[in-house]
Structures are given as C-alpha cells and as structure tokens.
Amino acid sequence: MPKQLTYTISKTVRPTNGTPYTTALVSRQYDQANEQYDRRSIKVGTGEETFTPSADLTSLGQTWMRNTSTTPGNYLQVGGATGAYVNRIPPGEAQLVWLEPGITLYLKAATAELTLELEIEDR
C-alpha cells in the first residue's frame, strides 16, 4: 500500500460585528506512488538566493514553506525568476503550494537572514 498524504486547510473569520464563519475548507487525501520527499531548512539572506528541488522528485506534490523568523517585517519573498517575486511569507507564517517539476525558486529575506523550513512531497 502506498503512503497516504492528507491535507486539510480552513479559514475561520470572527468579525467584530456579525457571525463567525468558516470558508475555504479544503481536505484532500492522496496515495503517494513515489515515496520520495525533500525536507530541509534553508538559510536565506537579504541577497537573492536560489533553490532547486531534488532531481529524485519526478512528480512534485504539495510543498510546505514556513518562514521561521520572529522579526516583525522580515518576510520571505518567493519567485520563479530573478527579481520576480510573486509570494510573500510573513514571519512565523507558512504556505502550502504546488510547484512545477524542474522549477528553481528565487528566495530573498526582507530585512535580515531567516530560516525557511521546506518540505516537498513527490506524488
């Protein structure tokens, strides 16, 4: 039996005036045919750096990225080309995304070196 991966993502809003509600609930379970993964911590400075997932990952699944910085304003910029940042991960926050196979990520810290926790599962 292949390894199973389960992801559940939800967002709960509690407005000052009004009824709380939950939106964007997503729950998926996958059977992982290729049980490869790439898990690491990467030091990212204020100059642009690149990261390419392991070539052993042939069919990229979900990618978990977490900015471990606790410094206010020290967000992580993530892009797919030099200077073209399309994601911003605030300090202490995480994102779950799908990456294209063969991608190189371009990474840059806003104000000071930070650590990016990264985990990529193969499908």
PDB file of N, CA and C in Angstrom:
ATOM      1  N   MET A   1       0.847  -1.180   0.000  1.00  0.00           N
ATOM      2  CA  MET A   1       0.000   0.000   0.000  1.00  0.00           C
ATOM      3  C   MET A   1       0.892   1.243   0.000  1.00  0.00           C
ATOM      4  N   PRO A   2       0.599   2.219  -0.885  1.00  0.00           N
ATOM      5  CA  PRO A   2       1.413   3.440  -0.917  1.00  0.00           C
ATOM      6  C   PRO A   2       1.157   4.303   0.315  1.00  0.00           C
ATOM      7  N   LYS A   3       2.109   5.159   0.589  1.00  0.00           N
ATOM      8  CA  LYS A   3       1.963   6.104   1.694  1.00  0.00           C
ATOM      9  C   LYS A   3       0.812   7.051   1.367  1.00  0.00           C
ATOM     10  N   GLN A   4       0.025   7.393   2.369  1.00  0.00           N
ATOM     11  CA  GLN A   4      -1.078   8.320   2.165  1.00  0.00           C
ATOM     12  C   GLN A   4      -0.757   9.675   2.771  1.00  0.00           C
ATOM     13  N   LEU A   5      -1.112  10.721   2.036  1.00  0.00           N
ATOM     14  CA  LEU A   5      -0.934  12.094   2.488  1.00  0.00           C
ATOM     15  C   LEU A   5      -2.311  12.733   2.633  1.00  0.00           C
ATOM     16  N   THR A   6      -2.548  13.396   3.741  1.00  0.00           N
ATOM     17  CA  THR A   6      -3.810  14.091   3.943  1.00  0.00           C
ATOM     18  C   THR A   6      -3.523  15.543   4.293  1.00  0.00           C
ATOM     19  N   TYR A   7      -4.168  16.453   3.585  1.00  0.00           N
ATOM     20  CA  TYR A   7      -4.043  17.884   3.837  1.00  0.00           C
ATOM     21  C   TYR A   7      -5.417  18.453   4.129  1.00  0.00           C
ATOM     22  N   THR A   8      -5.519  19.265   5.169  1.00  0.00           N
ATOM     23  CA  THR A   8      -6.756  19.966   5.482  1.00  0.00           C
ATOM     24  C   THR A   8      -6.411  21.432   5.734  1.00  0.00           C
ATOM     25  N   ILE A   9      -7.085  22.310   5.010  1.00  0.00           N
ATOM     26  CA  ILE A   9      -6.852  23.744   5.136  1.00  0.00           C
ATOM     27  C   ILE A   9      -8.204  24.415   5.329  1.00  0.00           C
ATOM     28  N   SER A  10      -8.305  25.288   6.324  1.00  0.00           N
ATOM     29  CA  SER A  10      -9.541  26.041   6.510  1.00  0.00           C
ATOM     30  C   SER A  10      -9.209  27.437   7.012  1.00  0.00           C
ATOM     31  N   LYS A  11     -10.175  28.307   6.888  1.00  0.00           N
ATOM     32  CA  LYS A  11     -10.020  29.689   7.339  1.00  0.00           C
ATOM     33  C   LYS A  11     -11.279  30.048   8.122  1.00  0.00           C
ATOM     34  N   THR A  12     -11.129  30.525   9.353  1.00  0.00           N
ATOM     35  CA  THR A  12     -12.255  30.948  10.167  1.00  0.00           C
ATOM     36  C   THR A  12     -12.172  32.450  10.383  1.00  0.00           C
ATOM     37  N   VAL A  13     -13.285  33.134  10.140  1.00  0.00           N
ATOM     38  CA  VAL A  13     -13.354  34.585  10.293  1.00  0.00           C
ATOM     39  C   VAL A  13     -14.296  34.886  11.454  1.00  0.00           C
ATOM     40  N   ARG A  14     -13.812  35.722  12.385  1.00  0.00           N
ATOM     41  CA  ARG A  14     -14.628  36.149  13.518  1.00  0.00           C
ATOM     42  C   ARG A  14     -14.727  37.678  13.486  1.00  0.00           C
ATOM     43  N   PRO A  15     -15.698  38.210  12.727  1.00  0.00           N
ATOM     44  CA  PRO A  15     -15.818  39.664  12.628  1.00  0.00           C
ATOM     45  C   PRO A  15     -16.256  40.284  13.957  1.00  0.00           C
ATOM     46  N   THR A  16     -15.878  41.543  14.159  1.00  0.00           N
ATOM     47  CA  THR A  16     -16.275  42.261  15.374  1.00  0.00           C
ATOM     48  C   THR A  16     -17.787  42.328  15.480  1.00  0.00           C
ATOM     49  N   ASN A  17     -18.427  42.671  14.377  1.00  0.00           N
ATOM     50  CA  ASN A  17     -19.897  42.725  14.335  1.00  0.00           C
ATOM     51  C   ASN A  17     -20.369  41.691  13.332  1.00  0.00           C
ATOM     52  N   GLY A  18     -21.018  40.661  13.814  1.00  0.00           N
ATOM     53  CA  GLY A  18     -21.513  39.655  12.889  1.00  0.00           C
ATOM     54  C   GLY A  18     -21.200  38.252  13.369  1.00  0.00           C
ATOM     55  N   THR A  19     -21.615  37.305  12.575  1.00  0.00           N
ATOM     56  CA  THR A  19     -21.483  35.895  12.915  1.00  0.00           C
ATOM     57  C   THR A  19     -20.185  35.326  12.360  1.00  0.00           C
ATOM     58  N   PRO A  20     -19.431  34.602  13.194  1.00  0.00           N
ATOM     59  CA  PRO A  20     -18.221  33.942  12.678  1.00  0.00           C
ATOM     60  C   PRO A  20     -18.581  32.924  11.597  1.00  0.00           C
ATOM     61  N   TYR A  21     -17.674  32.731  10.662  1.00  0.00           N
ATOM     62  CA  TYR A  21     -17.898  31.738   9.619  1.00  0.00           C
ATOM     63  C   TYR A  21     -16.572  31.131   9.190  1.00  0.00           C
ATOM     64  N   THR A  22     -16.670  29.938   8.620  1.00  0.00           N
ATOM     65  CA  THR A  22     -15.501  29.248   8.090  1.00  0.00           C
ATOM     66  C   THR A  22     -15.647  29.179   6.582  1.00  0.00           C
ATOM     67  N   THR A  23     -14.558  29.476   5.898  1.00  0.00           N
ATOM     68  CA  THR A  23     -14.573  29.459   4.446  1.00  0.00           C
ATOM     69  C   THR A  23     -13.302  28.790   3.938  1.00  0.00           C
ATOM     70  N   ALA A  24     -13.251  28.509   2.672  1.00  0.00           N
ATOM     71  CA  ALA A  24     -12.071  27.943   2.014  1.00  0.00           C
ATOM     72  C   ALA A  24     -11.617  26.642   2.665  1.00  0.00           C
ATOM     73  N   LEU A  25     -12.580  25.789   3.026  1.00  0.00           N
ATOM     74  CA  LEU A  25     -12.225  24.494   3.608  1.00  0.00           C
ATOM     75  C   LEU A  25     -11.862  23.528   2.490  1.00  0.00           C
ATOM     76  N   VAL A  26     -10.651  23.000   2.550  1.00  0.00           N
ATOM     77  CA  VAL A  26     -10.167  22.039   1.561  1.00  0.00           C
ATOM     78  C   VAL A  26      -9.589  20.857   2.322  1.00  0.00           C
ATOM     79  N   SER A  27     -10.010  19.675   1.971  1.00  0.00           N
ATOM     80  CA  SER A  27      -9.436  18.478   2.573  1.00  0.00           C
ATOM     81  C   SER A  27      -9.225  17.457   1.460  1.00  0.00           C
ATOM     82  N   ARG A  28      -8.001  17.000   1.320  1.00  0.00           N
ATOM     83  CA  ARG A  28      -7.657  16.059   0.256  1.00  0.00           C
ATOM     84  C   ARG A  28      -6.793  14.944   0.820  1.00  0.00           C
ATOM     85  N   GLN A  29      -6.964  13.769   0.266  1.00  0.00           N
ATOM     86  CA  GLN A  29      -6.101  12.643   0.620  1.00  0.00           C
ATOM     87  C   GLN A  29      -5.545  12.063  -0.676  1.00  0.00           C
ATOM     88  N   TYR A  30      -4.238  11.791  -0.667  1.00  0.00           N
ATOM     89  CA  TYR A  30      -3.558  11.276  -1.846  1.00  0.00           C
ATOM     90  C   TYR A  30      -2.819  10.001  -1.487  1.00  0.00           C
ATOM     91  N   ASP A  31      -2.786   9.075  -2.423  1.00  0.00           N
ATOM     92  CA  ASP A  31      -1.900   7.928  -2.314  1.00  0.00           C
ATOM     93  C   ASP A  31      -0.609   8.330  -3.011  1.00  0.00           C
ATOM     94  N   GLN A  32       0.489   8.221  -2.304  1.00  0.00           N
ATOM     95  CA  GLN A  32       1.775   8.647  -2.841  1.00  0.00           C
ATOM     96  C   GLN A  32       2.462   7.447  -3.489  1.00  0.00           C
ATOM     97  N   ALA A  33       2.504   7.431  -4.821  1.00  0.00           N
ATOM     98  CA  ALA A  33       3.115   6.323  -5.552  1.00  0.00           C
ATOM     99  C   ALA A  33       4.627   6.311  -5.385  1.00  0.00           C
ATOM    100  N   ASN A  34       5.251   7.468  -5.490  1.00  0.00           N
ATOM    101  CA  ASN A  34       6.694   7.594  -5.334  1.00  0.00           C
ATOM    102  C   ASN A  34       6.940   8.228  -3.966  1.00  0.00           C
ATOM    103  N   GLU A  35       7.455   7.457  -3.019  1.00  0.00           N
ATOM    104  CA  GLU A  35       7.576   7.942  -1.647  1.00  0.00           C
ATOM    105  C   GLU A  35       8.838   8.766  -1.401  1.00  0.00           C
ATOM    106  N   GLN A  36       9.213   9.570  -2.368  1.00  0.00           N
ATOM    107  CA  GLN A  36      10.354  10.462  -2.213  1.00  0.00           C
ATOM    108  C   GLN A  36       9.884  11.790  -1.609  1.00  0.00           C
ATOM    109  N   TYR A  37      10.750  12.442  -0.885  1.00  0.00           N
ATOM    110  CA  TYR A  37      10.465  13.773  -0.393  1.00  0.00           C
ATOM    111  C   TYR A  37      11.771  14.527  -0.201  1.00  0.00           C
ATOM    112  N   ASP A  38      11.653  15.836  -0.139  1.00  0.00           N
ATOM    113  CA  ASP A  38      12.811  16.703   0.076  1.00  0.00           C
ATOM    114  C   ASP A  38      12.445  17.597   1.251  1.00  0.00           C
ATOM    115  N   ARG A  39      13.070  17.378   2.392  1.00  0.00           N
ATOM    116  CA  ARG A  39      12.782  18.155   3.598  1.00  0.00           C
ATOM    117  C   ARG A  39      14.081  18.779   4.081  1.00  0.00           C
ATOM    118  N   ARG A  40      14.065  20.083   4.269  1.00  0.00           N
ATOM    119  CA  ARG A  40      15.287  20.757   4.721  1.00  0.00           C
ATOM    120  C   ARG A  40      14.973  22.135   5.289  1.00  0.00           C
ATOM    121  N   SER A  41      15.959  22.685   5.990  1.00  0.00           N
ATOM    122  CA  SER A  41      15.932  24.066   6.454  1.00  0.00           C
ATOM    123  C   SER A  41      16.979  24.818   5.658  1.00  0.00           C
ATOM    124  N   ILE A  42      16.606  25.984   5.133  1.00  0.00           N
ATOM    125  CA  ILE A  42      17.489  26.761   4.279  1.00  0.00           C
ATOM    126  C   ILE A  42      17.677  28.148   4.885  1.00  0.00           C
ATOM    127  N   LYS A  43      18.923  28.568   5.038  1.00  0.00           N
ATOM    128  CA  LYS A  43      19.208  29.941   5.459  1.00  0.00           C
ATOM    129  C   LYS A  43      19.056  30.840   4.233  1.00  0.00           C
ATOM    130  N   VAL A  44      18.259  31.893   4.361  1.00  0.00           N
ATOM    131  CA  VAL A  44      18.019  32.819   3.258  1.00  0.00           C
ATOM    132  C   VAL A  44      18.410  34.224   3.720  1.00  0.00           C
ATOM    133  N   GLY A  45      19.295  34.863   2.967  1.00  0.00           N
ATOM    134  CA  GLY A  45      19.752  36.207   3.297  1.00  0.00           C
ATOM    135  C   GLY A  45      18.988  37.278   2.541  1.00  0.00           C
ATOM    136  N   THR A  46      19.457  38.507   2.654  1.00  0.00           N
ATOM    137  CA  THR A  46      18.793  39.633   2.002  1.00  0.00           C
ATOM    138  C   THR A  46      19.205  39.803   0.541  1.00  0.00           C
ATOM    139  N   GLY A  47      20.153  39.008   0.088  1.00  0.00           N
ATOM    140  CA  GLY A  47      20.506  38.957  -1.330  1.00  0.00           C
ATOM    141  C   GLY A  47      19.793  37.754  -1.941  1.00  0.00           C
ATOM    142  N   GLU A  48      19.435  37.854  -3.190  1.00  0.00           N
ATOM    143  CA  GLU A  48      18.682  36.778  -3.830  1.00  0.00           C
ATOM    144  C   GLU A  48      19.456  35.463  -3.825  1.00  0.00           C
ATOM    145  N   GLU A  49      18.751  34.375  -3.495  1.00  0.00           N
ATOM    146  CA  GLU A  49      19.319  33.027  -3.488  1.00  0.00           C
ATOM    147  C   GLU A  49      18.385  32.107  -4.256  1.00  0.00           C
ATOM    148  N   THR A  50      18.926  30.999  -4.747  1.00  0.00           N
ATOM    149  CA  THR A  50      18.096  30.056  -5.496  1.00  0.00           C
ATOM    150  C   THR A  50      18.045  28.699  -4.799  1.00  0.00           C
ATOM    151  N   PHE A  51      16.958  27.987  -5.056  1.00  0.00           N
ATOM    152  CA  PHE A  51      16.783  26.624  -4.552  1.00  0.00           C
ATOM    153  C   PHE A  51      16.091  25.810  -5.630  1.00  0.00           C
ATOM    154  N   THR A  52      16.649  24.643  -5.941  1.00  0.00           N
ATOM    155  CA  THR A  52      16.032  23.709  -6.890  1.00  0.00           C
ATOM    156  C   THR A  52      15.748  22.408  -6.150  1.00  0.00           C
ATOM    157  N   PRO A  53      14.492  21.917  -6.199  1.00  0.00           N
ATOM    158  CA  PRO A  53      14.177  20.658  -5.524  1.00  0.00           C
ATOM    159  C   PRO A  53      15.015  19.505  -6.058  1.00  0.00           C
ATOM    160  N   SER A  54      15.169  18.485  -5.245  1.00  0.00           N
ATOM    161  CA  SER A  54      15.941  17.295  -5.608  1.00  0.00           C
ATOM    162  C   SER A  54      15.462  16.707  -6.932  1.00  0.00           C
ATOM    163  N   ALA A  55      16.399  16.281  -7.765  1.00  0.00           N
ATOM    164  CA  ALA A  55      16.067  15.646  -9.048  1.00  0.00           C
ATOM    165  C   ALA A  55      15.396  14.296  -8.841  1.00  0.00           C
ATOM    166  N   ASP A  56      15.466  13.736  -7.625  1.00  0.00           N
ATOM    167  CA  ASP A  56      14.783  12.475  -7.319  1.00  0.00           C
ATOM    168  C   ASP A  56      13.269  12.644  -7.286  1.00  0.00           C
ATOM    169  N   LEU A  57      12.814  13.884  -7.174  1.00  0.00           N
ATOM    170  CA  LEU A  57      11.373  14.159  -7.161  1.00  0.00           C
ATOM    171  C   LEU A  57      10.923  14.366  -8.606  1.00  0.00           C
ATOM    172  N   THR A  58      10.200  13.413  -9.132  1.00  0.00           N
ATOM    173  CA  THR A  58       9.843  13.457 -10.553  1.00  0.00           C
ATOM    174  C   THR A  58       8.442  13.992 -10.807  1.00  0.00           C
ATOM    175  N   SER A  59       7.588  13.976  -9.807  1.00  0.00           N
ATOM    176  CA  SER A  59       6.216  14.447  -9.967  1.00  0.00           C
ATOM    177  C   SER A  59       5.842  15.220  -8.711  1.00  0.00           C
ATOM    178  N   LEU A  60       6.257  16.485  -8.652  1.00  0.00           N
ATOM    179  CA  LEU A  60       6.129  17.250  -7.415  1.00  0.00           C
ATOM    180  C   LEU A  60       4.698  17.318  -6.913  1.00  0.00           C
ATOM    181  N   GLY A  61       4.562  17.063  -5.628  1.00  0.00           N
ATOM    182  CA  GLY A  61       3.268  17.191  -4.963  1.00  0.00           C
ATOM    183  C   GLY A  61       3.215  18.515  -4.231  1.00  0.00           C
ATOM    184  N   GLN A  62       2.561  18.521  -3.093  1.00  0.00           N
ATOM    185  CA  GLN A  62       2.424  19.747  -2.343  1.00  0.00           C
ATOM    186  C   GLN A  62       3.722  20.119  -1.653  1.00  0.00           C
ATOM    187  N   THR A  63       3.946  21.409  -1.560  1.00  0.00           N
ATOM    188  CA  THR A  63       5.159  21.953  -0.960  1.00  0.00           C
ATOM    189  C   THR A  63       4.779  22.842   0.209  1.00  0.00           C
ATOM    190  N   TRP A  64       5.349  22.548   1.365  1.00  0.00           N
ATOM    191  CA  TRP A  64       5.117  23.307   2.585  1.00  0.00           C
ATOM    192  C   TRP A  64       6.309  24.218   2.798  1.00  0.00           C
ATOM    193  N   MET A  65       6.080  25.539   2.884  1.00  0.00           N
ATOM    194  CA  MET A  65       7.147  26.504   3.120  1.00  0.00           C
ATOM    195  C   MET A  65       6.782  27.331   4.348  1.00  0.00           C
ATOM    196  N   ARG A  66       7.721  27.425   5.322  1.00  0.00           N
ATOM    197  CA  ARG A  66       7.470  28.181   6.550  1.00  0.00           C
ATOM    198  C   ARG A  66       8.638  29.107   6.846  1.00  0.00           C
ATOM    199  N   ASN A  67       8.313  30.374   7.065  1.00  0.00           N
ATOM    200  CA  ASN A  67       9.294  31.386   7.454  1.00  0.00           C
ATOM    201  C   ASN A  67       9.392  31.348   8.977  1.00  0.00           C
ATOM    202  N   THR A  68      10.533  30.923   9.513  1.00  0.00           N
ATOM    203  CA  THR A  68      10.673  30.785  10.965  1.00  0.00           C
ATOM    204  C   THR A  68      11.085  32.080  11.663  1.00  0.00           C
ATOM    205  N   SER A  69      11.282  33.149  10.917  1.00  0.00           N
ATOM    206  CA  SER A  69      11.687  34.418  11.523  1.00  0.00           C
ATOM    207  C   SER A  69      10.634  34.903  12.517  1.00  0.00           C
ATOM    208  N   THR A  70      11.098  35.535  13.591  1.00  0.00           N
ATOM    209  CA  THR A  70      10.192  36.155  14.554  1.00  0.00           C
ATOM    210  C   THR A  70      10.305  37.677  14.518  1.00  0.00           C
ATOM    211  N   THR A  71      11.108  38.188  13.590  1.00  0.00           N
ATOM    212  CA  THR A  71      11.327  39.628  13.471  1.00  0.00           C
ATOM    213  C   THR A  71      10.199  40.275  12.661  1.00  0.00           C
ATOM    214  N   PRO A  72       9.448  41.205  13.261  1.00  0.00           N
ATOM    215  CA  PRO A  72       8.380  41.873  12.504  1.00  0.00           C
ATOM    216  C   PRO A  72       8.921  42.489  11.209  1.00  0.00           C
ATOM    217  N   GLY A  73       8.192  42.292  10.127  1.00  0.00           N
ATOM    218  CA  GLY A  73       8.581  42.857   8.833  1.00  0.00           C
ATOM    219  C   GLY A  73       9.588  42.040   8.055  1.00  0.00           C
ATOM    220  N   ASN A  74      10.118  40.961   8.640  1.00  0.00           N
ATOM    221  CA  ASN A  74      11.114  40.153   7.925  1.00  0.00           C
ATOM    222  C   ASN A  74      10.424  39.025   7.150  1.00  0.00           C
ATOM    223  N   TYR A  75       9.707  39.412   6.119  1.00  0.00           N
ATOM    224  CA  TYR A  75       9.006  38.433   5.294  1.00  0.00           C
ATOM    225  C   TYR A  75       9.967  37.782   4.303  1.00  0.00           C
ATOM    226  N   LEU A  76       9.562  36.643   3.797  1.00  0.00           N
ATOM    227  CA  LEU A  76      10.324  35.918   2.780  1.00  0.00           C
ATOM    228  C   LEU A  76       9.664  36.163   1.437  1.00  0.00           C
ATOM    229  N   GLN A  77      10.451  36.583   0.455  1.00  0.00           N
ATOM    230  CA  GLN A  77       9.953  36.747  -0.911  1.00  0.00           C
ATOM    231  C   GLN A  77      10.287  35.479  -1.689  1.00  0.00           C
ATOM    232  N   VAL A  78       9.310  34.981  -2.470  1.00  0.00           N
ATOM    233  CA  VAL A  78       9.489  33.755  -3.251  1.00  0.00           C
ATOM    234  C   VAL A  78       9.064  34.041  -4.687  1.00  0.00           C
ATOM    235  N   GLY A  79       9.917  33.645  -5.640  1.00  0.00           N
ATOM    236  CA  GLY A  79       9.588  33.860  -7.042  1.00  0.00           C
ATOM    237  C   GLY A  79      10.114  32.758  -7.925  1.00  0.00           C
ATOM    238  N   GLY A  80       9.840  32.880  -9.213  1.00  0.00           N
ATOM    239  CA  GLY A  80      10.264  31.887 -10.184  1.00  0.00           C
ATOM    240  C   GLY A  80      11.304  32.406 -11.161  1.00  0.00           C
ATOM    241  N   ALA A  81      11.749  33.651 -10.967  1.00  0.00           N
ATOM    242  CA  ALA A  81      12.771  34.251 -11.827  1.00  0.00           C
ATOM    243  C   ALA A  81      13.451  35.376 -11.044  1.00  0.00           C
ATOM    244  N   THR A  82      14.616  35.775 -11.498  1.00  0.00           N
ATOM    245  CA  THR A  82      15.365  36.834 -10.826  1.00  0.00           C
ATOM    246  C   THR A  82      14.518  38.094 -10.675  1.00  0.00           C
ATOM    247  N   GLY A  83      14.348  38.536  -9.429  1.00  0.00           N
ATOM    248  CA  GLY A  83      13.614  39.770  -9.151  1.00  0.00           C
ATOM    249  C   GLY A  83      12.116  39.700  -9.348  1.00  0.00           C
ATOM    250  N   ALA A  84      11.579  38.563  -9.739  1.00  0.00           N
ATOM    251  CA  ALA A  84      10.140  38.419  -9.992  1.00  0.00           C
ATOM    252  C   ALA A  84       9.497  37.625  -8.863  1.00  0.00           C
ATOM    253  N   TYR A  85       9.261  38.292  -7.744  1.00  0.00           N
ATOM    254  CA  TYR A  85       8.698  37.634  -6.565  1.00  0.00           C
ATOM    255  C   TYR A  85       7.176  37.697  -6.613  1.00  0.00           C
ATOM    256  N   VAL A  86       6.529  36.560  -6.474  1.00  0.00           N
ATOM    257  CA  VAL A  86       5.071  36.503  -6.547  1.00  0.00           C
ATOM    258  C   VAL A  86       4.431  36.072  -5.232  1.00  0.00           C
ATOM    259  N   ASN A  87       5.217  35.574  -4.285  1.00  0.00           N
ATOM    260  CA  ASN A  87       4.723  35.170  -2.975  1.00  0.00           C
ATOM    261  C   ASN A  87       5.482  35.907  -1.898  1.00  0.00           C
ATOM    262  N   ARG A  88       4.789  36.162  -0.811  1.00  0.00           N
ATOM    263  CA  ARG A  88       5.396  36.773   0.371  1.00  0.00           C
ATOM    264  C   ARG A  88       4.921  35.963   1.566  1.00  0.00           C
ATOM    265  N   ILE A  89       5.878  35.465   2.358  1.00  0.00           N
ATOM    266  CA  ILE A  89       5.530  34.698   3.555  1.00  0.00           C
ATOM    267  C   ILE A  89       5.962  35.518   4.771  1.00  0.00           C
ATOM    268  N   PRO A  90       5.004  36.040   5.542  1.00  0.00           N
ATOM    269  CA  PRO A  90       5.333  36.840   6.718  1.00  0.00           C
ATOM    270  C   PRO A  90       6.051  36.007   7.793  1.00  0.00           C
ATOM    271  N   PRO A  91       6.702  36.671   8.751  1.00  0.00           N
ATOM    272  CA  PRO A  91       7.394  35.956   9.827  1.00  0.00           C
ATOM    273  C   PRO A  91       6.436  35.022  10.575  1.00  0.00           C
ATOM    274  N   GLY A  92       6.899  33.791  10.806  1.00  0.00           N
ATOM    275  CA  GLY A  92       6.104  32.818  11.547  1.00  0.00           C
ATOM    276  C   GLY A  92       4.971  32.185  10.766  1.00  0.00           C
ATOM    277  N   GLU A  93       4.795  32.564   9.514  1.00  0.00           N
ATOM    278  CA  GLU A  93       3.691  32.047   8.694  1.00  0.00           C
ATOM    279  C   GLU A  93       4.176  30.979   7.726  1.00  0.00           C
ATOM    280  N   ALA A  94       3.212  30.265   7.147  1.00  0.00           N
ATOM    281  CA  ALA A  94       3.528  29.182   6.212  1.00  0.00           C
ATOM    282  C   ALA A  94       2.587  29.234   5.017  1.00  0.00           C
ATOM    283  N   GLN A  95       3.018  28.598   3.938  1.00  0.00           N
ATOM    284  CA  GLN A  95       2.187  28.451   2.743  1.00  0.00           C
ATOM    285  C   GLN A  95       2.298  27.024   2.246  1.00  0.00           C
ATOM    286  N   LEU A  96       1.208  26.543   1.700  1.00  0.00           N
ATOM    287  CA  LEU A  96       1.153  25.230   1.076  1.00  0.00           C
ATOM    288  C   LEU A  96       0.853  25.462  -0.395  1.00  0.00           C
ATOM    289  N   VAL A  97       1.793  25.078  -1.279  1.00  0.00           N
ATOM    290  CA  VAL A  97       1.652  25.346  -2.713  1.00  0.00           C
ATOM    291  C   VAL A  97       2.062  24.117  -3.525  1.00  0.00           C
ATOM    292  N   TRP A  98       1.684  24.108  -4.784  1.00  0.00           N
ATOM    293  CA  TRP A  98       2.136  23.101  -5.740  1.00  0.00           C
ATOM    294  C   TRP A  98       3.212  23.747  -6.597  1.00  0.00           C
ATOM    295  N   LEU A  99       4.324  23.057  -6.783  1.00  0.00           N
ATOM    296  CA  LEU A  99       5.393  23.572  -7.638  1.00  0.00           C
ATOM    297  C   LEU A  99       5.422  22.809  -8.952  1.00  0.00           C
ATOM    298  N   GLU A 100       5.864  23.477 -10.003  1.00  0.00           N
ATOM    299  CA  GLU A 100       6.074  22.828 -11.291  1.00  0.00           C
ATOM    300  C   GLU A 100       7.359  21.999 -11.235  1.00  0.00           C
ATOM    301  N   PRO A 101       7.353  20.775 -11.795  1.00  0.00           N
ATOM    302  CA  PRO A 101       8.596  19.996 -11.853  1.00  0.00           C
ATOM    303  C   PRO A 101       9.686  20.791 -12.579  1.00  0.00           C
ATOM    304  N   GLY A 102      10.910  20.720 -12.065  1.00  0.00           N
ATOM    305  CA  GLY A 102      12.033  21.411 -12.677  1.00  0.00           C
ATOM    306  C   GLY A 102      12.169  22.874 -12.285  1.00  0.00           C
ATOM    307  N   ILE A 103      11.299  23.361 -11.412  1.00  0.00           N
ATOM    308  CA  ILE A 103      11.332  24.778 -11.020  1.00  0.00           C
ATOM    309  C   ILE A 103      12.579  25.101 -10.187  1.00  0.00           C
ATOM    310  N   THR A 104      13.075  26.287 -10.336  1.00  0.00           N
ATOM    311  CA  THR A 104      14.064  26.846  -9.427  1.00  0.00           C
ATOM    312  C   THR A 104      13.381  28.000  -8.714  1.00  0.00           C
ATOM    313  N   LEU A 105      13.404  27.982  -7.385  1.00  0.00           N
ATOM    314  CA  LEU A 105      12.813  29.057  -6.602  1.00  0.00           C
ATOM    315  C   LEU A 105      13.859  30.140  -6.356  1.00  0.00           C
ATOM    316  N   TYR A 106      13.429  31.382  -6.429  1.00  0.00           N
ATOM    317  CA  TYR A 106      14.274  32.531  -6.119  1.00  0.00           C
ATOM    318  C   TYR A 106      13.774  33.083  -4.789  1.00  0.00           C
ATOM    319  N   LEU A 107      14.669  33.162  -3.814  1.00  0.00           N
ATOM    320  CA  LEU A 107      14.303  33.480  -2.442  1.00  0.00           C
ATOM    321  C   LEU A 107      15.073  34.702  -1.954  1.00  0.00           C
ATOM    322  N   LYS A 108      14.400  35.510  -1.118  1.00  0.00           N
ATOM    323  CA  LYS A 108      15.066  36.688  -0.572  1.00  0.00           C
ATOM    324  C   LYS A 108      14.366  37.096   0.726  1.00  0.00           C
ATOM    325  N   ALA A 109      15.172  37.346   1.777  1.00  0.00           N
ATOM    326  CA  ALA A 109      14.647  37.843   3.046  1.00  0.00           C
ATOM    327  C   ALA A 109      14.522  39.367   2.975  1.00  0.00           C
ATOM    328  N   ALA A 110      13.510  39.906   3.629  1.00  0.00           N
ATOM    329  CA  ALA A 110      13.258  41.346   3.542  1.00  0.00           C
ATOM    330  C   ALA A 110      14.279  42.189   4.306  1.00  0.00           C
ATOM    331  N   THR A 111      14.561  41.826   5.572  1.00  0.00           N
ATOM    332  CA  THR A 111      15.403  42.714   6.383  1.00  0.00           C
ATOM    333  C   THR A 111      16.614  42.039   7.015  1.00  0.00           C
ATOM    334  N   ALA A 112      16.572  40.723   7.217  1.00  0.00           N
ATOM    335  CA  ALA A 112      17.678  40.009   7.879  1.00  0.00           C
ATOM    336  C   ALA A 112      17.606  38.538   7.509  1.00  0.00           C
ATOM    337  N   GLU A 113      18.731  37.839   7.655  1.00  0.00           N
ATOM    338  CA  GLU A 113      18.744  36.408   7.358  1.00  0.00           C
ATOM    339  C   GLU A 113      17.641  35.699   8.143  1.00  0.00           C
ATOM    340  N   LEU A 114      17.013  34.725   7.490  1.00  0.00           N
ATOM    341  CA  LEU A 114      15.971  33.932   8.126  1.00  0.00           C
ATOM    342  C   LEU A 114      16.138  32.472   7.723  1.00  0.00           C
ATOM    343  N   THR A 115      15.397  31.608   8.370  1.00  0.00           N
ATOM    344  CA  THR A 115      15.409  30.192   8.022  1.00  0.00           C
ATOM    345  C   THR A 115      14.077  29.824   7.400  1.00  0.00           C
ATOM    346  N   LEU A 116      14.134  29.193   6.245  1.00  0.00           N
ATOM    347  CA  LEU A 116      12.957  28.673   5.562  1.00  0.00           C
ATOM    348  C   LEU A 116      12.896  27.179   5.813  1.00  0.00           C
ATOM    349  N   GLU A 117      11.802  26.703   6.407  1.00  0.00           N
ATOM    350  CA  GLU A 117      11.563  25.267   6.521  1.00  0.00           C
ATOM    351  C   GLU A 117      10.785  24.859   5.281  1.00  0.00           C
ATOM    352  N   LEU A 118      11.267  23.828   4.614  1.00  0.00           N
ATOM    353  CA  LEU A 118      10.722  23.431   3.326  1.00  0.00           C
ATOM    354  C   LEU A 118      10.512  21.928   3.307  1.00  0.00           C
ATOM    355  N   GLU A 119       9.352  21.503   2.845  1.00  0.00           N
ATOM    356  CA  GLU A 119       9.087  20.075   2.680  1.00  0.00           C
ATOM    357  C   GLU A 119       8.302  19.883   1.386  1.00  0.00           C
ATOM    358  N   ILE A 120       8.891  19.100   0.474  1.00  0.00           N
ATOM    359  CA  ILE A 120       8.267  18.822  -0.811  1.00  0.00           C
ATOM    360  C   ILE A 120       8.015  17.321  -0.897  1.00  0.00           C
ATOM    361  N   GLU A 121       6.780  16.944  -1.140  1.00  0.00           N
ATOM    362  CA  GLU A 121       6.402  15.540  -1.302  1.00  0.00           C
ATOM    363  C   GLU A 121       6.277  15.209  -2.769  1.00  0.00           C
ATOM    364  N   ASP A 122       6.768  14.066  -3.167  1.00  0.00           N
ATOM    365  CA  ASP A 122       6.560  13.595  -4.540  1.00  0.00           C
ATOM    366  C   ASP A 122       5.190  12.944  -4.601  1.00  0.00           C
ATOM    367  N   ARG A 123       4.545  13.006  -5.759  1.00  0.00           N
ATOM    368  CA  ARG A 123       3.225  12.385  -5.902  1.00  0.00           C
ATOM    369  C   ARG A 123       3.385  10.964  -6.256  1.00  0.00           C
TER     370      ARG A 123
END
